[in-house]
N, C-alpha and C. Protein backbone atom coordinates (compact mmCIF):
# COMPACT_ATOMS: atom_id res chain seq x y z
N MET A 1 24.75 2.28 37.28
CA MET A 1 24.68 2.99 36.02
C MET A 1 25.04 4.45 36.25
N ILE A 2 25.90 4.99 35.42
CA ILE A 2 26.32 6.38 35.54
C ILE A 2 25.24 7.28 34.94
N LYS A 3 24.85 8.27 35.70
CA LYS A 3 23.84 9.21 35.24
C LYS A 3 24.52 10.41 34.58
N ARG A 4 23.84 10.99 33.63
CA ARG A 4 24.36 12.17 32.94
C ARG A 4 24.07 13.43 33.74
N THR A 5 24.84 14.47 33.46
CA THR A 5 24.61 15.80 34.00
C THR A 5 24.16 16.69 32.87
N LEU A 6 23.04 17.38 33.05
CA LEU A 6 22.55 18.32 32.06
C LEU A 6 22.90 19.73 32.50
N TYR A 7 23.51 20.49 31.61
CA TYR A 7 23.89 21.87 31.90
C TYR A 7 23.18 22.79 30.92
N PHE A 8 22.49 23.81 31.44
CA PHE A 8 21.81 24.80 30.62
C PHE A 8 22.46 26.15 30.87
N GLY A 9 23.28 26.61 29.93
CA GLY A 9 23.95 27.89 30.05
C GLY A 9 23.17 29.02 29.39
N ASN A 10 22.22 28.66 28.54
CA ASN A 10 21.36 29.63 27.86
C ASN A 10 19.92 29.39 28.30
N PRO A 11 19.05 30.38 28.13
CA PRO A 11 17.65 30.19 28.53
C PRO A 11 17.02 29.03 27.78
N ALA A 12 16.20 28.27 28.49
CA ALA A 12 15.48 27.14 27.89
C ALA A 12 14.18 26.93 28.65
N TYR A 13 13.17 26.48 27.91
CA TYR A 13 11.91 26.09 28.52
C TYR A 13 11.98 24.60 28.81
N LEU A 14 11.76 24.23 30.06
CA LEU A 14 11.79 22.82 30.46
C LEU A 14 10.41 22.41 30.94
N SER A 15 9.98 21.23 30.49
CA SER A 15 8.73 20.67 30.98
C SER A 15 8.88 19.15 31.02
N ARG A 16 7.90 18.49 31.61
CA ARG A 16 7.95 17.04 31.75
C ARG A 16 6.65 16.46 31.23
N LYS A 17 6.78 15.39 30.46
CA LYS A 17 5.60 14.72 29.94
C LYS A 17 5.94 13.25 29.71
N LEU A 18 5.15 12.37 30.27
CA LEU A 18 5.32 10.92 30.08
C LEU A 18 6.75 10.46 30.38
N GLU A 19 7.25 10.84 31.55
CA GLU A 19 8.59 10.45 32.01
C GLU A 19 9.71 10.93 31.07
N GLN A 20 9.47 12.03 30.37
CA GLN A 20 10.46 12.62 29.48
C GLN A 20 10.63 14.10 29.86
N LEU A 21 11.86 14.59 29.81
CA LEU A 21 12.13 16.01 29.96
C LEU A 21 12.09 16.62 28.58
N ILE A 22 11.28 17.65 28.39
CA ILE A 22 11.15 18.32 27.11
C ILE A 22 11.88 19.65 27.19
N VAL A 23 12.81 19.88 26.27
CA VAL A 23 13.62 21.10 26.24
C VAL A 23 13.28 21.88 24.97
N ARG A 24 12.88 23.14 25.16
CA ARG A 24 12.59 24.04 24.03
C ARG A 24 13.38 25.32 24.22
N LEU A 25 13.83 25.91 23.13
CA LEU A 25 14.61 27.14 23.19
C LEU A 25 13.72 28.34 22.89
N PRO A 26 13.78 29.39 23.75
CA PRO A 26 12.93 30.56 23.53
C PRO A 26 13.26 31.30 22.23
N GLU A 27 14.53 31.26 21.79
CA GLU A 27 14.87 31.95 20.54
C GLU A 27 14.13 31.34 19.36
N VAL A 28 13.93 30.05 19.39
CA VAL A 28 13.22 29.36 18.31
C VAL A 28 11.72 29.57 18.47
N GLU A 29 11.22 29.47 19.69
CA GLU A 29 9.78 29.61 19.93
C GLU A 29 9.25 30.99 19.54
N LYS A 30 10.01 32.03 19.82
CA LYS A 30 9.54 33.40 19.61
C LYS A 30 9.89 33.96 18.24
N ASN A 31 10.64 33.23 17.43
CA ASN A 31 11.03 33.70 16.12
C ASN A 31 9.89 33.46 15.14
N ASP A 32 9.29 34.55 14.65
CA ASP A 32 8.14 34.44 13.76
C ASP A 32 8.52 34.10 12.32
N THR A 33 9.79 34.21 11.97
CA THR A 33 10.21 33.94 10.60
C THR A 33 10.43 32.45 10.34
N LEU A 34 10.52 31.64 11.39
CA LEU A 34 10.75 30.21 11.23
C LEU A 34 9.42 29.48 10.99
N PRO A 35 9.43 28.47 10.14
CA PRO A 35 8.19 27.70 9.92
C PRO A 35 7.83 26.87 11.16
N GLU A 36 6.55 26.60 11.32
CA GLU A 36 6.06 25.84 12.48
C GLU A 36 6.66 24.44 12.54
N THR A 37 6.89 23.83 11.40
CA THR A 37 7.46 22.48 11.39
C THR A 37 8.87 22.49 11.97
N PHE A 38 9.64 23.52 11.69
CA PHE A 38 10.99 23.63 12.25
C PHE A 38 10.92 23.83 13.75
N LYS A 39 9.97 24.61 14.22
CA LYS A 39 9.83 24.86 15.65
C LYS A 39 9.51 23.56 16.41
N LYS A 40 8.68 22.72 15.83
CA LYS A 40 8.33 21.46 16.48
C LYS A 40 9.50 20.49 16.48
N GLU A 41 10.31 20.51 15.43
CA GLU A 41 11.47 19.62 15.34
C GLU A 41 12.62 20.09 16.24
N ALA A 42 12.60 21.36 16.64
CA ALA A 42 13.69 21.92 17.43
C ALA A 42 13.61 21.55 18.91
N GLN A 43 12.54 20.94 19.35
CA GLN A 43 12.46 20.54 20.76
C GLN A 43 13.11 19.18 20.95
N ALA A 44 13.77 19.01 22.09
CA ALA A 44 14.46 17.76 22.41
C ALA A 44 13.76 17.09 23.58
N THR A 45 13.73 15.77 23.57
CA THR A 45 13.20 15.02 24.70
C THR A 45 14.29 14.11 25.24
N ILE A 46 14.38 14.05 26.56
CA ILE A 46 15.40 13.26 27.24
C ILE A 46 14.69 12.43 28.30
N PRO A 47 14.87 11.12 28.31
CA PRO A 47 14.25 10.29 29.36
C PRO A 47 14.74 10.71 30.75
N LEU A 48 13.81 10.81 31.69
CA LEU A 48 14.16 11.23 33.05
C LEU A 48 15.12 10.27 33.75
N LYS A 49 15.11 9.02 33.39
CA LYS A 49 15.97 8.03 34.04
C LYS A 49 17.43 8.17 33.67
N THR A 50 17.75 8.92 32.60
CA THR A 50 19.13 8.94 32.09
C THR A 50 20.01 10.03 32.69
N PHE A 51 19.45 10.95 33.48
CA PHE A 51 20.30 11.99 34.07
C PHE A 51 20.07 12.07 35.56
N GLY A 52 21.11 12.50 36.26
CA GLY A 52 21.04 12.58 37.70
C GLY A 52 21.09 14.00 38.24
N VAL A 53 21.68 14.94 37.46
CA VAL A 53 21.86 16.32 37.91
C VAL A 53 21.50 17.27 36.78
N VAL A 54 20.80 18.37 37.12
CA VAL A 54 20.52 19.44 36.17
C VAL A 54 21.11 20.72 36.74
N ILE A 55 21.95 21.38 35.94
CA ILE A 55 22.61 22.62 36.36
C ILE A 55 22.10 23.74 35.49
N PHE A 56 21.63 24.82 36.15
CA PHE A 56 21.14 25.99 35.43
C PHE A 56 22.14 27.11 35.53
């Protein structure tokens, strides 16, 4: 199976929970004008099994 490569060219908060990589953007997290519901929807989760390389 071919694994994906993840590239992060901009700052991002990365964490892991339940075999998922969680990606959050600091611009969204620190922006006080955005509603909390939008901030929660702006995070992405990627299964750890689907990528092989992470480039920062």
